[in-house]
């Protein structure tokens, strides 16, 4: 399995802020489906916006993930210590 095939399987973003949202939406524009993308976002209002505006599956913390995805972390340094992520 190539790196591209692995990335095509499933991607989880840790952090759904401006950068995470932009990359995730960009992937949708590159033939990824909503089923392939999940976002861990601890801020409820941000999580709700991602779900309602774009249809992403979002989680409050990484503990609820049930797959072994490719993970892309997009966090501010101050957020990285947050145990919810």
N, C-alpha and C. Protein backbone atom coordinates (compact mmCIF):
# COMPACT_ATOMS: atom_id res chain seq x y z
N UNK A 1 0.85 -1.18 0.00
CA UNK A 1 0.00 0.00 0.00
C UNK A 1 0.89 1.24 0.00
N UNK A 2 0.61 2.16 -0.91
CA UNK A 2 1.40 3.38 -1.00
C UNK A 2 0.92 4.41 0.01
N UNK A 3 1.74 5.45 0.19
CA UNK A 3 1.37 6.52 1.11
C UNK A 3 0.06 7.18 0.67
N UNK A 4 -0.12 7.40 -0.63
CA UNK A 4 -1.34 8.01 -1.13
C UNK A 4 -2.55 7.13 -0.85
N UNK A 5 -2.41 5.83 -1.01
CA UNK A 5 -3.51 4.92 -0.72
C UNK A 5 -3.85 4.96 0.76
N UNK A 6 -2.83 5.00 1.62
CA UNK A 6 -3.06 5.05 3.06
C UNK A 6 -3.80 6.34 3.42
N UNK A 7 -3.36 7.46 2.88
CA UNK A 7 -4.02 8.73 3.18
C UNK A 7 -5.45 8.75 2.65
N UNK A 8 -5.71 8.07 1.57
CA UNK A 8 -7.06 8.04 1.01
C UNK A 8 -8.03 7.24 1.88
N UNK A 9 -7.51 6.35 2.72
CA UNK A 9 -8.39 5.53 3.55
C UNK A 9 -9.17 6.36 4.56
N UNK A 10 -8.46 7.09 5.40
CA UNK A 10 -9.13 7.83 6.47
C UNK A 10 -8.16 8.82 7.09
N UNK A 11 -8.60 10.06 7.29
CA UNK A 11 -7.77 11.10 7.88
C UNK A 11 -8.53 11.73 9.03
N UNK A 12 -7.83 11.90 10.15
CA UNK A 12 -8.40 12.59 11.30
C UNK A 12 -7.54 13.82 11.60
N UNK A 13 -8.20 14.95 11.69
CA UNK A 13 -7.52 16.18 12.07
C UNK A 13 -7.70 16.40 13.56
N UNK A 14 -6.62 16.70 14.24
CA UNK A 14 -6.68 17.12 15.64
C UNK A 14 -6.59 18.63 15.59
N UNK A 15 -7.71 19.27 15.74
CA UNK A 15 -7.79 20.72 15.63
C UNK A 15 -8.60 21.11 14.41
N UNK A 16 -9.72 21.74 14.63
CA UNK A 16 -10.60 22.13 13.53
C UNK A 16 -10.72 23.62 13.36
N UNK A 17 -9.65 24.34 13.65
CA UNK A 17 -9.66 25.79 13.47
C UNK A 17 -9.55 26.17 12.00
N UNK A 18 -9.10 27.38 11.74
CA UNK A 18 -9.02 27.87 10.37
C UNK A 18 -8.20 26.98 9.46
N UNK A 19 -7.02 26.57 9.92
CA UNK A 19 -6.16 25.74 9.07
C UNK A 19 -6.74 24.34 8.88
N UNK A 20 -7.20 23.72 9.96
CA UNK A 20 -7.79 22.39 9.86
C UNK A 20 -9.00 22.37 8.95
N UNK A 21 -9.85 23.36 9.10
CA UNK A 21 -11.05 23.47 8.26
C UNK A 21 -10.65 23.65 6.79
N UNK A 22 -9.69 24.53 6.53
CA UNK A 22 -9.28 24.80 5.15
C UNK A 22 -8.70 23.54 4.48
N UNK A 23 -7.88 22.81 5.21
CA UNK A 23 -7.29 21.60 4.63
C UNK A 23 -8.36 20.54 4.41
N UNK A 24 -9.24 20.37 5.39
CA UNK A 24 -10.30 19.36 5.26
C UNK A 24 -11.23 19.67 4.09
N UNK A 25 -11.61 20.93 3.94
CA UNK A 25 -12.46 21.33 2.81
C UNK A 25 -11.70 21.14 1.50
N UNK A 26 -10.41 21.44 1.52
CA UNK A 26 -9.58 21.22 0.33
C UNK A 26 -9.55 19.76 -0.08
N UNK A 27 -9.51 18.87 0.91
CA UNK A 27 -9.53 17.43 0.61
C UNK A 27 -10.86 17.03 -0.02
N UNK A 28 -11.95 17.62 0.44
CA UNK A 28 -13.26 17.34 -0.17
C UNK A 28 -13.24 17.75 -1.65
N UNK A 29 -12.56 18.84 -1.94
CA UNK A 29 -12.46 19.32 -3.32
C UNK A 29 -11.51 18.45 -4.15
N UNK A 30 -10.76 17.57 -3.49
CA UNK A 30 -9.82 16.68 -4.18
C UNK A 30 -10.33 15.23 -4.16
N UNK A 31 -11.61 15.05 -4.14
CA UNK A 31 -12.26 13.74 -4.26
C UNK A 31 -12.24 12.88 -2.99
N UNK A 32 -11.95 13.46 -1.85
CA UNK A 32 -12.14 12.74 -0.60
C UNK A 32 -13.62 12.84 -0.25
N UNK A 33 -14.14 11.87 0.47
CA UNK A 33 -15.54 11.93 0.88
C UNK A 33 -15.62 12.31 2.36
N UNK A 34 -16.79 12.74 2.78
CA UNK A 34 -16.99 13.06 4.20
C UNK A 34 -16.75 11.84 5.08
N UNK A 35 -16.96 10.65 4.55
CA UNK A 35 -16.73 9.42 5.33
C UNK A 35 -15.26 9.20 5.63
N UNK A 36 -14.38 9.84 4.87
CA UNK A 36 -12.94 9.63 5.04
C UNK A 36 -12.30 10.65 5.99
N UNK A 37 -13.04 11.67 6.39
CA UNK A 37 -12.47 12.76 7.18
C UNK A 37 -13.20 12.89 8.50
N UNK A 38 -12.44 12.95 9.58
CA UNK A 38 -12.99 13.24 10.91
C UNK A 38 -12.15 14.35 11.53
N UNK A 39 -12.76 15.08 12.45
CA UNK A 39 -12.06 16.17 13.10
C UNK A 39 -12.29 16.08 14.61
N UNK A 40 -11.20 16.14 15.36
CA UNK A 40 -11.28 16.24 16.82
C UNK A 40 -11.14 17.71 17.16
N UNK A 41 -12.18 18.27 17.74
CA UNK A 41 -12.22 19.68 18.09
C UNK A 41 -12.88 19.83 19.45
N UNK A 42 -12.11 20.22 20.49
CA UNK A 42 -12.68 20.30 21.83
C UNK A 42 -13.64 21.47 22.06
N UNK A 43 -13.59 22.49 21.23
CA UNK A 43 -14.46 23.66 21.40
C UNK A 43 -15.81 23.36 20.75
N UNK A 44 -16.85 23.31 21.57
CA UNK A 44 -18.17 22.89 21.10
C UNK A 44 -18.71 23.75 19.96
N UNK A 45 -18.60 25.06 20.07
CA UNK A 45 -19.14 25.92 19.02
C UNK A 45 -18.41 25.70 17.69
N UNK A 46 -17.12 25.50 17.76
CA UNK A 46 -16.33 25.23 16.54
C UNK A 46 -16.72 23.87 15.95
N UNK A 47 -16.89 22.89 16.83
CA UNK A 47 -17.28 21.54 16.40
C UNK A 47 -18.64 21.57 15.71
N UNK A 48 -19.58 22.29 16.30
CA UNK A 48 -20.92 22.39 15.71
C UNK A 48 -20.88 23.08 14.35
N UNK A 49 -20.06 24.10 14.22
CA UNK A 49 -19.94 24.80 12.94
C UNK A 49 -19.39 23.87 11.86
N UNK A 50 -18.38 23.07 12.20
CA UNK A 50 -17.80 22.12 11.25
C UNK A 50 -18.83 21.09 10.81
N UNK A 51 -19.63 20.64 11.75
CA UNK A 51 -20.66 19.64 11.44
C UNK A 51 -21.78 20.23 10.58
N UNK A 52 -22.26 21.41 10.96
CA UNK A 52 -23.41 22.00 10.27
C UNK A 52 -23.05 22.65 8.94
N UNK A 53 -21.91 23.30 8.87
CA UNK A 53 -21.55 24.01 7.64
C UNK A 53 -20.96 23.09 6.57
N UNK A 54 -20.26 22.03 7.01
CA UNK A 54 -19.56 21.19 6.04
C UNK A 54 -19.94 19.72 6.10
N UNK A 55 -20.60 19.30 7.17
CA UNK A 55 -21.00 17.90 7.28
C UNK A 55 -19.94 16.97 7.83
N UNK A 56 -18.85 17.52 8.39
CA UNK A 56 -17.78 16.69 8.94
C UNK A 56 -18.25 15.94 10.18
N UNK A 57 -17.71 14.74 10.38
CA UNK A 57 -17.92 14.01 11.63
C UNK A 57 -16.89 14.56 12.62
N UNK A 58 -17.37 15.08 13.73
CA UNK A 58 -16.49 15.71 14.70
C UNK A 58 -16.62 15.04 16.07
N UNK A 59 -15.54 15.12 16.82
CA UNK A 59 -15.48 14.52 18.15
C UNK A 59 -14.91 15.55 19.12
N UNK A 60 -15.35 15.48 20.36
CA UNK A 60 -14.85 16.38 21.39
C UNK A 60 -13.43 15.99 21.83
N UNK A 61 -13.11 14.71 21.73
CA UNK A 61 -11.77 14.25 22.10
C UNK A 61 -11.40 13.03 21.28
N UNK A 62 -10.13 12.70 21.30
CA UNK A 62 -9.63 11.58 20.49
C UNK A 62 -10.02 10.22 21.05
N UNK A 63 -10.50 10.17 22.28
CA UNK A 63 -10.89 8.89 22.89
C UNK A 63 -12.06 8.23 22.17
N UNK A 64 -12.84 9.01 21.46
CA UNK A 64 -14.02 8.45 20.80
C UNK A 64 -13.73 7.91 19.39
N UNK A 65 -12.48 8.02 18.94
CA UNK A 65 -12.13 7.50 17.62
C UNK A 65 -12.03 5.98 17.70
N UNK A 66 -12.61 5.29 16.72
CA UNK A 66 -12.58 3.84 16.75
C UNK A 66 -11.78 3.25 15.59
N UNK A 67 -10.99 4.05 14.95
CA UNK A 67 -10.19 3.60 13.82
C UNK A 67 -8.72 3.88 14.08
N UNK A 68 -7.91 3.45 13.15
CA UNK A 68 -6.48 3.73 13.19
C UNK A 68 -6.17 4.65 12.01
N UNK A 69 -6.55 5.93 12.12
CA UNK A 69 -6.45 6.82 10.98
C UNK A 69 -5.06 7.42 10.83
N UNK A 70 -4.84 8.04 9.69
CA UNK A 70 -3.73 8.96 9.54
C UNK A 70 -4.16 10.21 10.29
N UNK A 71 -3.31 10.70 11.20
CA UNK A 71 -3.67 11.84 12.04
C UNK A 71 -2.82 13.04 11.65
N UNK A 72 -3.48 14.17 11.50
CA UNK A 72 -2.80 15.43 11.23
C UNK A 72 -3.14 16.37 12.37
N UNK A 73 -2.12 16.80 13.12
CA UNK A 73 -2.33 17.68 14.27
C UNK A 73 -2.13 19.14 13.86
N UNK A 74 -3.12 19.95 14.15
CA UNK A 74 -3.08 21.37 13.84
C UNK A 74 -3.53 22.13 15.09
N UNK A 75 -2.60 22.26 16.04
CA UNK A 75 -2.93 22.86 17.32
C UNK A 75 -2.01 24.03 17.62
N UNK A 76 -2.53 24.99 18.36
CA UNK A 76 -1.66 26.00 18.95
C UNK A 76 -0.88 25.31 20.06
N UNK A 77 0.31 25.75 20.30
CA UNK A 77 1.15 25.14 21.34
C UNK A 77 0.43 25.10 22.68
N UNK A 78 -0.31 26.16 23.03
CA UNK A 78 -1.01 26.20 24.31
C UNK A 78 -2.13 25.17 24.38
N UNK A 79 -2.69 24.76 23.24
CA UNK A 79 -3.76 23.77 23.22
C UNK A 79 -3.23 22.35 23.27
N UNK A 80 -1.98 22.14 22.93
CA UNK A 80 -1.42 20.79 22.84
C UNK A 80 -1.41 20.08 24.19
N UNK A 81 -1.36 20.82 25.28
CA UNK A 81 -1.36 20.22 26.61
C UNK A 81 -2.76 19.89 27.12
N UNK A 82 -3.77 20.29 26.39
CA UNK A 82 -5.15 20.05 26.80
C UNK A 82 -5.44 18.56 26.75
N UNK A 83 -5.81 17.98 27.87
CA UNK A 83 -6.01 16.52 27.95
C UNK A 83 -7.23 16.06 27.17
N UNK A 84 -8.10 16.96 26.76
CA UNK A 84 -9.27 16.57 25.98
C UNK A 84 -8.89 16.18 24.55
N UNK A 85 -7.75 16.64 24.09
CA UNK A 85 -7.33 16.40 22.71
C UNK A 85 -6.54 15.12 22.61
